[in-house]
Amino acid sequence: MSLVLKAEKIGKWYGNVLGLSDVTIEIGPGITGLLGPNGAGKSTLLKLLTGQLRPSIGRLTVDGRPVWNNTALFRRIGFCPEQDAFYDEVTGDEFLTGLLRLHGYAEAEARRRAGRALEIVELAGGGDRLIRGYSRGMRQRIKIAQAIAHEPEVLILDEPLSGLDPLSKRKIIRLIKDYRSEGRTVVVSSHVLPEIEALTRSIVLIHQGKILAQGDIPYIRELIDAHPHVVAVRSADPRRLGSLLVADRAVQSVSYGPEENLVTFETRQRDRFFDLLPRVVAESGLDLEEITSPDDNLQAVFDYLVGK
């Protein structure tokens, strides 16, 4: 399984409203997190990748073949939409079986696959219940079940953890990671940063219909070296530590507090600073209690890139 999703200068607009603009991206096997605020264009991109929308301009392919109007590809793609779309008067088992029949499976095979998918998302006990009686979490899990029931090579999930309790989230995260280990291509969208960080280090940041950055989190962090890196250090003698480091060119500024034993450094030369710090500590005999980087996370990177 080595399908590659590729978008080349994709644009999509709805009348005078721009959905996506000049998006070029290539996604291969593994988990890729598509991150952006609501209205950033995530859902539009996912609907283009799954052949539900036709690009206004540009070329979009899966495995080198155009996605739009290519029904042969649909059996190889699984999609979990953000919005619910059910037949409420059927049971969960009937819903999945019907969709699998549309994929071309015989009745017996469709029922087998439906039962297996329900077990995977831990809905086996609710398969004979009408969907109208499902809780929000159950509805979310059956959406995931229909996305995986035909064992697709490409799995595209739009806000898959929405509405799930913490235990269910952990189980679905483990399920998604299992798909990665099988060599499948998985794209997961979210506007919740910790969810993406729990799934993958491969990130695509999207905002106002444009790709801001793509890569692993350390690489994206390097892209914004103009933004000072903040390092907070707890020490029994923070002012002495600050005085020893402030003269080096790696240190842009030093501040103290708000806690008595805390000193905060700003640097645009992160590697040099982290080489310098242990040497100074060893030579001075100072004791360090804790070193943290308050902005060394995806939230800080994203906020900076979108200009917050």
C-alpha atoms as a PDB file:
ATOM      1  CA  MET A   1       0.000   0.000   0.000  1.00  0.00           C
ATOM      2  CA  SER A   2       1.800   3.101  -1.215  1.00  0.00           C
ATOM      3  CA  LEU A   3      -0.852   5.391  -2.643  1.00  0.00           C
ATOM      4  CA  VAL A   4       0.160   9.032  -2.901  1.00  0.00           C
ATOM      5  CA  LEU A   5      -2.271  11.945  -2.888  1.00  0.00           C
ATOM      6  CA  LYS A   6      -1.098  14.892  -4.930  1.00  0.00           C
ATOM      7  CA  ALA A   7      -2.624  18.330  -5.454  1.00  0.00           C
ATOM      8  CA  GLU A   8      -1.031  20.656  -7.988  1.00  0.00           C
ATOM      9  CA  LYS A   9      -1.991  24.332  -7.873  1.00  0.00           C
ATOM     10  CA  ILE A  10      -5.519  23.492  -6.762  1.00  0.00           C
ATOM     11  CA  GLY A  11      -8.042  26.284  -6.448  1.00  0.00           C
ATOM     12  CA  LYS A  12     -11.681  26.055  -5.422  1.00  0.00           C
ATOM     13  CA  TRP A  13     -14.180  28.852  -5.185  1.00  0.00           C
ATOM     14  CA  TYR A  14     -17.907  29.094  -4.639  1.00  0.00           C
ATOM     15  CA  GLY A  15     -19.134  32.062  -6.629  1.00  0.00           C
ATOM     16  CA  ASN A  16     -17.176  34.976  -5.181  1.00  0.00           C
ATOM     17  CA  VAL A  17     -16.116  33.010  -2.087  1.00  0.00           C
ATOM     18  CA  LEU A  18     -12.626  31.523  -2.162  1.00  0.00           C
ATOM     19  CA  GLY A  19     -12.344  28.058  -0.595  1.00  0.00           C
ATOM     20  CA  LEU A  20      -8.784  27.147  -1.573  1.00  0.00           C
ATOM     21  CA  SER A  21      -6.086  29.052  -3.425  1.00  0.00           C
ATOM     22  CA  ASP A  22      -3.006  27.670  -5.217  1.00  0.00           C
ATOM     23  CA  VAL A  23      -2.680  24.562  -3.025  1.00  0.00           C
ATOM     24  CA  THR A  24       0.187  22.257  -3.943  1.00  0.00           C
ATOM     25  CA  ILE A  25       0.753  19.309  -1.664  1.00  0.00           C
ATOM     26  CA  GLU A  26       1.876  15.681  -1.770  1.00  0.00           C
ATOM     27  CA  ILE A  27       0.808  13.170   0.897  1.00  0.00           C
ATOM     28  CA  GLY A  28       2.182   9.644   1.094  1.00  0.00           C
ATOM     29  CA  PRO A  29       1.813   6.625   3.420  1.00  0.00           C
ATOM     30  CA  GLY A  30       1.606   7.341   7.133  1.00  0.00           C
ATOM     31  CA  ILE A  31      -0.472   9.838   9.079  1.00  0.00           C
ATOM     32  CA  THR A  32      -0.626  13.452   7.974  1.00  0.00           C
ATOM     33  CA  GLY A  33      -2.364  15.969  10.189  1.00  0.00           C
ATOM     34  CA  LEU A  34      -4.285  18.748   8.465  1.00  0.00           C
ATOM     35  CA  LEU A  35      -4.505  21.564  10.955  1.00  0.00           C
ATOM     36  CA  GLY A  36      -6.293  24.870  10.805  1.00  0.00           C
ATOM     37  CA  PRO A  37      -9.045  26.917  12.437  1.00  0.00           C
ATOM     38  CA  ASN A  38     -12.676  26.531  11.456  1.00  0.00           C
ATOM     39  CA  GLY A  39     -13.199  27.959   7.980  1.00  0.00           C
ATOM     40  CA  ALA A  40      -9.556  27.509   6.969  1.00  0.00           C
ATOM     41  CA  GLY A  41     -10.396  25.245   4.021  1.00  0.00           C
ATOM     42  CA  LYS A  42      -9.746  21.836   5.593  1.00  0.00           C
ATOM     43  CA  SER A  43     -13.085  20.288   4.695  1.00  0.00           C
ATOM     44  CA  THR A  44     -12.948  21.699   1.166  1.00  0.00           C
ATOM     45  CA  LEU A  45      -9.543  20.100   0.609  1.00  0.00           C
ATOM     46  CA  LEU A  46     -10.723  16.747   1.979  1.00  0.00           C
ATOM     47  CA  LYS A  47     -13.814  16.767  -0.225  1.00  0.00           C
ATOM     48  CA  LEU A  48     -11.598  17.454  -3.220  1.00  0.00           C
ATOM     49  CA  LEU A  49      -9.293  14.577  -2.240  1.00  0.00           C
ATOM     50  CA  THR A  50     -12.261  12.202  -2.020  1.00  0.00           C
ATOM     51  CA  GLY A  51     -13.817  13.266  -5.328  1.00  0.00           C
ATOM     52  CA  GLN A  52     -16.873  14.938  -3.825  1.00  0.00           C
ATOM     53  CA  LEU A  53     -15.913  18.322  -5.257  1.00  0.00           C
ATOM     54  CA  ARG A  54     -14.323  19.217  -8.563  1.00  0.00           C
ATOM     55  CA  PRO A  55     -11.454  21.708  -8.392  1.00  0.00           C
ATOM     56  CA  SER A  56     -12.079  25.026 -10.078  1.00  0.00           C
ATOM     57  CA  ILE A  57      -8.488  24.953 -11.275  1.00  0.00           C
ATOM     58  CA  GLY A  58      -5.482  22.665 -10.946  1.00  0.00           C
ATOM     59  CA  ARG A  59      -4.945  18.913 -10.910  1.00  0.00           C
ATOM     60  CA  LEU A  60      -5.622  16.430  -8.135  1.00  0.00           C
ATOM     61  CA  THR A  61      -4.605  12.762  -8.298  1.00  0.00           C
ATOM     62  CA  VAL A  62      -4.449   9.603  -6.202  1.00  0.00           C
ATOM     63  CA  ASP A  63      -1.898   7.046  -7.340  1.00  0.00           C
ATOM     64  CA  GLY A  64      -1.323   9.201 -10.422  1.00  0.00           C
ATOM     65  CA  ARG A  65      -4.956   9.058 -11.523  1.00  0.00           C
ATOM     66  CA  PRO A  66      -7.425  11.960 -11.443  1.00  0.00           C
ATOM     67  CA  VAL A  67      -9.849  11.762  -8.528  1.00  0.00           C
ATOM     68  CA  TRP A  68     -12.820  13.606  -9.999  1.00  0.00           C
ATOM     69  CA  ASN A  69     -15.420  11.269 -11.543  1.00  0.00           C
ATOM     70  CA  ASN A  70     -13.133   8.253 -11.120  1.00  0.00           C
ATOM     71  CA  THR A  71     -15.439   5.740  -9.445  1.00  0.00           C
ATOM     72  CA  ALA A  72     -12.789   2.992  -9.577  1.00  0.00           C
ATOM     73  CA  LEU A  73     -10.825   4.899  -6.918  1.00  0.00           C
ATOM     74  CA  PHE A  74     -13.687   5.195  -4.453  1.00  0.00           C
ATOM     75  CA  ARG A  75     -13.339   1.613  -3.227  1.00  0.00           C
ATOM     76  CA  ARG A  76      -9.746   2.417  -2.274  1.00  0.00           C
ATOM     77  CA  ILE A  77     -10.674   5.508  -0.255  1.00  0.00           C
ATOM     78  CA  GLY A  78     -12.444   5.706   3.100  1.00  0.00           C
ATOM     79  CA  PHE A  79     -13.936   8.993   4.271  1.00  0.00           C
ATOM     80  CA  CYS A  80     -15.298  10.059   7.634  1.00  0.00           C
ATOM     81  CA  PRO A  81     -17.108  13.407   7.196  1.00  0.00           C
ATOM     82  CA  GLU A  82     -17.341  16.051   9.858  1.00  0.00           C
ATOM     83  CA  GLN A  83     -21.111  16.384   9.465  1.00  0.00           C
ATOM     84  CA  ASP A  84     -23.549  13.573  10.250  1.00  0.00           C
ATOM     85  CA  ALA A  85     -25.381  12.062   7.270  1.00  0.00           C
ATOM     86  CA  PHE A  86     -27.453   9.031   8.258  1.00  0.00           C
ATOM     87  CA  TYR A  87     -30.654   7.190   7.500  1.00  0.00           C
ATOM     88  CA  ASP A  88     -32.018   7.397  11.028  1.00  0.00           C
ATOM     89  CA  GLU A  89     -34.667   4.711  10.525  1.00  0.00           C
ATOM     90  CA  VAL A  90     -32.172   1.918   9.882  1.00  0.00           C
ATOM     91  CA  THR A  91     -29.946   0.084  12.326  1.00  0.00           C
ATOM     92  CA  GLY A  92     -26.216   0.551  12.461  1.00  0.00           C
ATOM     93  CA  ASP A  93     -25.685  -2.877  10.936  1.00  0.00           C
ATOM     94  CA  GLU A  94     -28.124  -2.137   8.098  1.00  0.00           C
ATOM     95  CA  PHE A  95     -26.429   1.201   7.448  1.00  0.00           C
ATOM     96  CA  LEU A  96     -22.981  -0.338   7.093  1.00  0.00           C
ATOM     97  CA  THR A  97     -24.200  -3.332   5.122  1.00  0.00           C
ATOM     98  CA  GLY A  98     -26.005  -1.076   2.654  1.00  0.00           C
ATOM     99  CA  LEU A  99     -22.924   1.033   2.064  1.00  0.00           C
ATOM    100  CA  LEU A 100     -20.774  -2.062   1.567  1.00  0.00           C
ATOM    101  CA  ARG A 101     -23.253  -3.406  -0.983  1.00  0.00           C
ATOM    102  CA  LEU A 102     -22.776  -0.144  -2.883  1.00  0.00           C
ATOM    103  CA  HIS A 103     -19.060  -0.941  -2.960  1.00  0.00           C
ATOM    104  CA  GLY A 104     -19.941  -4.178  -4.762  1.00  0.00           C
ATOM    105  CA  TYR A 105     -19.702  -6.712  -1.953  1.00  0.00           C
ATOM    106  CA  ALA A 106     -22.092  -9.663  -1.882  1.00  0.00           C
ATOM    107  CA  GLU A 107     -24.685  -9.750   0.909  1.00  0.00           C
ATOM    108  CA  ALA A 108     -22.828 -12.259   3.090  1.00  0.00           C
ATOM    109  CA  GLU A 109     -19.473 -10.488   2.743  1.00  0.00           C
ATOM    110  CA  ALA A 110     -21.074  -7.103   3.381  1.00  0.00           C
ATOM    111  CA  ARG A 111     -22.633  -8.383   6.601  1.00  0.00           C
ATOM    112  CA  ARG A 112     -19.331  -9.894   7.719  1.00  0.00           C
ATOM    113  CA  ARG A 113     -17.443  -6.683   7.089  1.00  0.00           C
ATOM    114  CA  ALA A 114     -20.152  -4.603   8.766  1.00  0.00           C
ATOM    115  CA  GLY A 115     -19.963  -6.757  11.888  1.00  0.00           C
ATOM    116  CA  ARG A 116     -16.182  -6.544  11.954  1.00  0.00           C
ATOM    117  CA  ALA A 117     -16.198  -2.745  11.587  1.00  0.00           C
ATOM    118  CA  LEU A 118     -18.715  -2.424  14.434  1.00  0.00           C
ATOM    119  CA  GLU A 119     -16.456  -4.545  16.639  1.00  0.00           C
ATOM    120  CA  ILE A 120     -13.400  -2.429  15.820  1.00  0.00           C
ATOM    121  CA  VAL A 121     -15.129   0.793  16.945  1.00  0.00           C
ATOM    122  CA  GLU A 122     -16.774  -1.047  19.870  1.00  0.00           C
ATOM    123  CA  LEU A 123     -20.335  -0.694  18.598  1.00  0.00           C
ATOM    124  CA  ALA A 124     -21.099  -4.399  18.209  1.00  0.00           C
ATOM    125  CA  GLY A 125     -23.755  -4.149  20.913  1.00  0.00           C
ATOM    126  CA  GLY A 126     -25.463  -1.259  19.138  1.00  0.00           C
ATOM    127  CA  GLY A 127     -25.553  -2.716  15.647  1.00  0.00           C
ATOM    128  CA  ASP A 128     -29.200  -3.741  15.943  1.00  0.00           C
ATOM    129  CA  ARG A 129     -30.345  -0.357  17.276  1.00  0.00           C
ATOM    130  CA  LEU A 130     -31.855   2.370  15.113  1.00  0.00           C
ATOM    131  CA  ILE A 131     -29.367   5.137  14.416  1.00  0.00           C
ATOM    132  CA  ARG A 132     -31.881   7.749  15.546  1.00  0.00           C
ATOM    133  CA  GLY A 133     -31.327   6.457  19.097  1.00  0.00           C
ATOM    134  CA  TYR A 134     -27.552   6.767  18.960  1.00  0.00           C
ATOM    135  CA  SER A 135     -25.704   9.186  21.196  1.00  0.00           C
ATOM    136  CA  ARG A 136     -23.330  11.710  19.652  1.00  0.00           C
ATOM    137  CA  GLY A 137     -20.360   9.501  20.462  1.00  0.00           C
ATOM    138  CA  MET A 138     -22.014   6.456  18.895  1.00  0.00           C
ATOM    139  CA  ARG A 139     -22.791   8.446  15.748  1.00  0.00           C
ATOM    140  CA  GLN A 140     -19.169   9.479  15.516  1.00  0.00           C
ATOM    141  CA  ARG A 141     -17.978   5.908  15.897  1.00  0.00           C
ATOM    142  CA  ILE A 142     -20.310   4.553  13.221  1.00  0.00           C
ATOM    143  CA  LYS A 143     -19.043   7.244  10.843  1.00  0.00           C
ATOM    144  CA  ILE A 144     -15.565   5.896  11.451  1.00  0.00           C
ATOM    145  CA  ALA A 145     -16.849   2.328  11.033  1.00  0.00           C
ATOM    146  CA  GLN A 146     -18.256   3.059   7.576  1.00  0.00           C
ATOM    147  CA  ALA A 147     -14.949   4.673   6.582  1.00  0.00           C
ATOM    148  CA  ILE A 148     -12.919   1.558   7.427  1.00  0.00           C
ATOM    149  CA  ALA A 149     -15.380  -1.267   6.686  1.00  0.00           C
ATOM    150  CA  HIS A 150     -14.109  -1.805   3.118  1.00  0.00           C
ATOM    151  CA  GLU A 151     -10.452  -1.689   4.269  1.00  0.00           C
ATOM    152  CA  PRO A 152      -9.397   1.275   2.135  1.00  0.00           C
ATOM    153  CA  GLU A 153      -5.800   2.054   1.256  1.00  0.00           C
ATOM    154  CA  VAL A 154      -6.436   5.770   1.813  1.00  0.00           C
ATOM    155  CA  LEU A 155      -8.299   6.884   4.941  1.00  0.00           C
ATOM    156  CA  ILE A 156      -9.440  10.492   5.174  1.00  0.00           C
ATOM    157  CA  LEU A 157     -10.921  11.623   8.479  1.00  0.00           C
ATOM    158  CA  ASP A 158     -12.503  15.038   9.017  1.00  0.00           C
ATOM    159  CA  GLU A 159     -12.549  15.884  12.747  1.00  0.00           C
ATOM    160  CA  PRO A 160     -12.834  12.167  13.691  1.00  0.00           C
ATOM    161  CA  LEU A 161     -12.445  12.709  17.447  1.00  0.00           C
ATOM    162  CA  SER A 162     -15.249  15.251  17.746  1.00  0.00           C
ATOM    163  CA  GLY A 163     -17.885  14.222  20.280  1.00  0.00           C
ATOM    164  CA  LEU A 164     -15.937  11.292  21.695  1.00  0.00           C
ATOM    165  CA  ASP A 165     -15.238  10.797  25.382  1.00  0.00           C
ATOM    166  CA  PRO A 166     -11.562  10.608  26.461  1.00  0.00           C
ATOM    167  CA  LEU A 167     -11.453   6.796  26.509  1.00  0.00           C
ATOM    168  CA  SER A 168     -13.003   6.530  23.036  1.00  0.00           C
ATOM    169  CA  LYS A 169     -10.566   9.149  21.735  1.00  0.00           C
ATOM    170  CA  ARG A 170      -7.608   7.098  22.929  1.00  0.00           C
ATOM    171  CA  LYS A 171      -8.997   3.982  21.254  1.00  0.00           C
ATOM    172  CA  ILE A 172      -9.632   5.744  17.940  1.00  0.00           C
ATOM    173  CA  ILE A 173      -6.151   7.287  18.057  1.00  0.00           C
ATOM    174  CA  ARG A 174      -4.731   3.784  18.505  1.00  0.00           C
ATOM    175  CA  LEU A 175      -6.870   2.539  15.594  1.00  0.00           C
ATOM    176  CA  ILE A 176      -5.582   5.312  13.323  1.00  0.00           C
ATOM    177  CA  LYS A 177      -1.993   4.526  14.300  1.00  0.00           C
ATOM    178  CA  ASP A 178      -2.607   0.862  13.481  1.00  0.00           C
ATOM    179  CA  TYR A 179      -3.561   1.926   9.959  1.00  0.00           C
ATOM    180  CA  ARG A 180      -0.255   3.773   9.706  1.00  0.00           C
ATOM    181  CA  SER A 181       1.664   0.657  10.732  1.00  0.00           C
ATOM    182  CA  GLU A 182      -0.050  -1.234   7.896  1.00  0.00           C
ATOM    183  CA  GLY A 183       1.380   1.201   5.365  1.00  0.00           C
ATOM    184  CA  ARG A 184      -1.848   3.010   4.567  1.00  0.00           C
ATOM    185  CA  THR A 185      -2.160   6.694   3.764  1.00  0.00           C
ATOM    186  CA  VAL A 186      -4.120   8.534   6.463  1.00  0.00           C
ATOM    187  CA  VAL A 187      -5.131  12.197   6.491  1.00  0.00           C
ATOM    188  CA  VAL A 188      -6.675  13.549   9.692  1.00  0.00           C
ATOM    189  CA  SER A 189      -8.045  17.077   9.995  1.00  0.00           C
ATOM    190  CA  SER A 190      -8.621  18.931  13.220  1.00  0.00           C
ATOM    191  CA  HIS A 191      -8.672  22.399  14.722  1.00  0.00           C
ATOM    192  CA  VAL A 192      -7.637  20.907  18.100  1.00  0.00           C
ATOM    193  CA  LEU A 193      -3.841  21.005  18.356  1.00  0.00           C
ATOM    194  CA  PRO A 194      -3.300  18.299  21.030  1.00  0.00           C
ATOM    195  CA  GLU A 195      -5.310  15.810  18.940  1.00  0.00           C
ATOM    196  CA  ILE A 196      -2.989  16.215  15.970  1.00  0.00           C
ATOM    197  CA  GLU A 197       0.114  16.105  18.178  1.00  0.00           C
ATOM    198  CA  ALA A 198      -1.126  12.818  19.678  1.00  0.00           C
ATOM    199  CA  LEU A 199      -1.414  11.272  16.210  1.00  0.00           C
ATOM    200  CA  THR A 200       1.540  12.431  14.136  1.00  0.00           C
ATOM    201  CA  ARG A 201       4.541  14.683  13.733  1.00  0.00           C
ATOM    202  CA  SER A 202       3.771  15.265  10.037  1.00  0.00           C
ATOM    203  CA  ILE A 203       1.712  18.428   9.820  1.00  0.00           C
ATOM    204  CA  VAL A 204       0.102  20.578   7.137  1.00  0.00           C
ATOM    205  CA  LEU A 205      -0.937  24.017   8.382  1.00  0.00           C
ATOM    206  CA  ILE A 206      -3.772  25.613   6.421  1.00  0.00           C
ATOM    207  CA  HIS A 207      -5.276  29.061   6.912  1.00  0.00           C
ATOM    208  CA  GLN A 208      -7.648  31.122   4.764  1.00  0.00           C
ATOM    209  CA  GLY A 209      -7.491  28.574   1.966  1.00  0.00           C
ATOM    210  CA  LYS A 210      -3.691  28.543   1.697  1.00  0.00           C
ATOM    211  CA  ILE A 211      -1.009  26.124   2.873  1.00  0.00           C
ATOM    212  CA  LEU A 212       1.143  27.987   5.395  1.00  0.00           C
ATOM    213  CA  ALA A 213       3.665  25.228   6.062  1.00  0.00           C
ATOM    214  CA  GLN A 214       4.207  21.496   5.725  1.00  0.00           C
ATOM    215  CA  GLY A 215       6.600  19.146   7.481  1.00  0.00           C
ATOM    216  CA  ASP A 216       7.317  17.743  10.931  1.00  0.00           C
ATOM    217  CA  ILE A 217       6.955  20.013  13.920  1.00  0.00           C
ATOM    218  CA  PRO A 218      10.713  20.711  14.378  1.00  0.00           C
ATOM    219  CA  TYR A 219      11.025  21.629  10.694  1.00  0.00           C
ATOM    220  CA  ILE A 220       8.048  23.981  10.853  1.00  0.00           C
ATOM    221  CA  ARG A 221       9.533  25.513  13.985  1.00  0.00           C
ATOM    222  CA  GLU A 222      12.750  26.218  12.066  1.00  0.00           C
ATOM    223  CA  LEU A 223      10.782  28.059   9.398  1.00  0.00           C
ATOM    224  CA  ILE A 224      10.012  30.834  11.839  1.00  0.00           C
ATOM    225  CA  ASP A 225      13.481  31.549  13.174  1.00  0.00           C
ATOM    226  CA  ALA A 226      12.616  35.233  13.196  1.00  0.00           C
ATOM    227  CA  HIS A 227      10.332  34.440  16.126  1.00  0.00           C
ATOM    228  CA  PRO A 228      12.381  34.297  19.376  1.00  0.00           C
ATOM    229  CA  HIS A 229      12.460  30.949  21.092  1.00  0.00           C
ATOM    230  CA  VAL A 230      11.485  31.121  24.756  1.00  0.00           C
ATOM    231  CA  VAL A 231      13.245  28.946  27.355  1.00  0.00           C
ATOM    232  CA  ALA A 232      12.209  29.028  31.007  1.00  0.00           C
ATOM    233  CA  VAL A 233      14.668  27.746  33.629  1.00  0.00           C
ATOM    234  CA  ARG A 234      14.081  27.101  37.322  1.00  0.00           C
ATOM    235  CA  SER A 235      17.173  27.566  39.452  1.00  0.00           C
ATOM    236  CA  ALA A 236      18.049  28.227  43.073  1.00  0.00           C
ATOM    237  CA  ASP A 237      19.920  31.338  41.856  1.00  0.00           C
ATOM    238  CA  PRO A 238      18.144  32.542  38.700  1.00  0.00           C
ATOM    239  CA  ARG A 239      19.767  36.010  38.660  1.00  0.00           C
ATOM    240  CA  ARG A 240      23.266  34.584  38.731  1.00  0.00           C
ATOM    241  CA  LEU A 241      22.355  32.201  35.910  1.00  0.00           C
ATOM    242  CA  GLY A 242      20.914  35.079  33.911  1.00  0.00           C
ATOM    243  CA  SER A 243      24.025  37.203  34.409  1.00  0.00           C
ATOM    244  CA  LEU A 244      26.274  34.383  33.222  1.00  0.00           C
ATOM    245  CA  LEU A 245      24.320  33.835  30.013  1.00  0.00           C
ATOM    246  CA  VAL A 246      23.193  37.313  29.016  1.00  0.00           C
ATOM    247  CA  ALA A 247      26.517  38.325  27.433  1.00  0.00           C
ATOM    248  CA  ASP A 248      26.435  35.534  24.848  1.00  0.00           C
ATOM    249  CA  ARG A 249      25.123  36.426  21.376  1.00  0.00           C
ATOM    250  CA  ALA A 250      22.654  33.526  21.535  1.00  0.00           C
ATOM    251  CA  VAL A 251      20.714  35.302  24.291  1.00  0.00           C
ATOM    252  CA  GLN A 252      18.425  38.050  23.076  1.00  0.00           C
ATOM    253  CA  SER A 253      16.812  38.936  26.401  1.00  0.00           C
ATOM    254  CA  VAL A 254      16.521  37.803  30.002  1.00  0.00           C
ATOM    255  CA  SER A 255      13.582  38.268  32.361  1.00  0.00           C
ATOM    256  CA  TYR A 256      12.824  37.114  35.890  1.00  0.00           C
ATOM    257  CA  GLY A 257       9.668  35.898  37.584  1.00  0.00           C
ATOM    258  CA  PRO A 258       6.813  35.805  38.100  1.00  0.00           C
ATOM    259  CA  GLU A 259       7.968  33.022  40.405  1.00  0.00           C
ATOM    260  CA  GLU A 260      10.974  33.664  42.634  1.00  0.00           C
ATOM    261  CA  ASN A 261      13.197  30.928  41.171  1.00  0.00           C
ATOM    262  CA  LEU A 262      12.339  31.394  37.483  1.00  0.00           C
ATOM    263  CA  VAL A 263      14.435  33.010  34.731  1.00  0.00           C
ATOM    264  CA  THR A 264      13.253  33.219  31.113  1.00  0.00           C
ATOM    265  CA  PHE A 265      15.524  33.573  28.101  1.00  0.00           C
ATOM    266  CA  GLU A 266      14.677  34.575  24.549  1.00  0.00           C
ATOM    267  CA  THR A 267      16.959  33.309  21.770  1.00  0.00           C
ATOM    268  CA  ARG A 268      17.005  33.164  17.979  1.00  0.00           C
ATOM    269  CA  GLN A 269      19.863  30.652  18.092  1.00  0.00           C
ATOM    270  CA  ARG A 270      18.208  27.736  19.828  1.00  0.00           C
ATOM    271  CA  ASP A 271      20.947  25.147  19.190  1.00  0.00           C
ATOM    272  CA  ARG A 272      23.712  27.450  20.369  1.00  0.00           C
ATOM    273  CA  PHE A 273      21.749  28.295  23.513  1.00  0.00           C
ATOM    274  CA  PHE A 274      21.192  24.647  24.427  1.00  0.00           C
ATOM    275  CA  ASP A 275      24.893  23.945  23.889  1.00  0.00           C
ATOM    276  CA  LEU A 276      25.807  26.908  26.083  1.00  0.00           C
ATOM    277  CA  LEU A 277      23.428  26.296  28.975  1.00  0.00           C
ATOM    278  CA  PRO A 278      24.839  22.976  30.298  1.00  0.00           C
ATOM    279  CA  ARG A 279      28.436  24.230  29.991  1.00  0.00           C
ATOM    280  CA  VAL A 280      27.686  27.356  32.009  1.00  0.00           C
ATOM    281  CA  VAL A 281      25.802  25.358  34.616  1.00  0.00           C
ATOM    282  CA  ALA A 282      28.628  22.824  34.973  1.00  0.00           C
ATOM    283  CA  GLU A 283      31.325  25.506  35.262  1.00  0.00           C
ATOM    284  CA  SER A 284      29.357  27.597  37.778  1.00  0.00           C
ATOM    285  CA  GLY A 285      28.134  24.731  39.930  1.00  0.00           C
ATOM    286  CA  LEU A 286      24.540  26.008  39.788  1.00  0.00           C
ATOM    287  CA  ASP A 287      21.699  23.585  40.335  1.00  0.00           C
ATOM    288  CA  LEU A 288      18.844  23.547  37.809  1.00  0.00           C
ATOM    289  CA  GLU A 289      15.407  22.343  38.834  1.00  0.00           C
ATOM    290  CA  GLU A 290      13.585  22.442  35.492  1.00  0.00           C
ATOM    291  CA  ILE A 291      13.962  23.560  31.860  1.00  0.00           C
ATOM    292  CA  THR A 292      10.861  24.152  29.732  1.00  0.00           C
ATOM    293  CA  SER A 293      10.071  25.786  26.400  1.00  0.00           C
ATOM    294  CA  PRO A 294       6.625  27.398  26.694  1.00  0.00           C
ATOM    295  CA  ASP A 295       6.451  28.112  22.961  1.00  0.00           C
ATOM    296  CA  ASP A 296       7.967  24.826  21.723  1.00  0.00           C
ATOM    297  CA  ASN A 297       4.649  23.358  20.703  1.00  0.00           C
ATOM    298  CA  LEU A 298       2.278  23.389  17.777  1.00  0.00           C
ATOM    299  CA  GLN A 299       0.018  26.009  19.348  1.00  0.00           C
ATOM    300  CA  ALA A 300       2.826  28.563  19.446  1.00  0.00           C
ATOM    301  CA  VAL A 301       3.947  27.769  15.912  1.00  0.00           C
ATOM    302  CA  PHE A 302       0.425  28.021  14.546  1.00  0.00           C
ATOM    303  CA  ASP A 303      -0.387  31.244  16.380  1.00  0.00           C
ATOM    304  CA  TYR A 304       2.764  32.843  15.039  1.00  0.00           C
ATOM    305  CA  LEU A 305       2.175  31.743  11.448  1.00  0.00           C
ATOM    306  CA  VAL A 306      -1.379  33.077  11.362  1.00  0.00           C
ATOM    307  CA  GLY A 307      -0.256  36.335  12.937  1.00  0.00           C
ATOM    308  CA  LYS A 308      -2.016  36.054  16.266  1.00  0.00           C
END
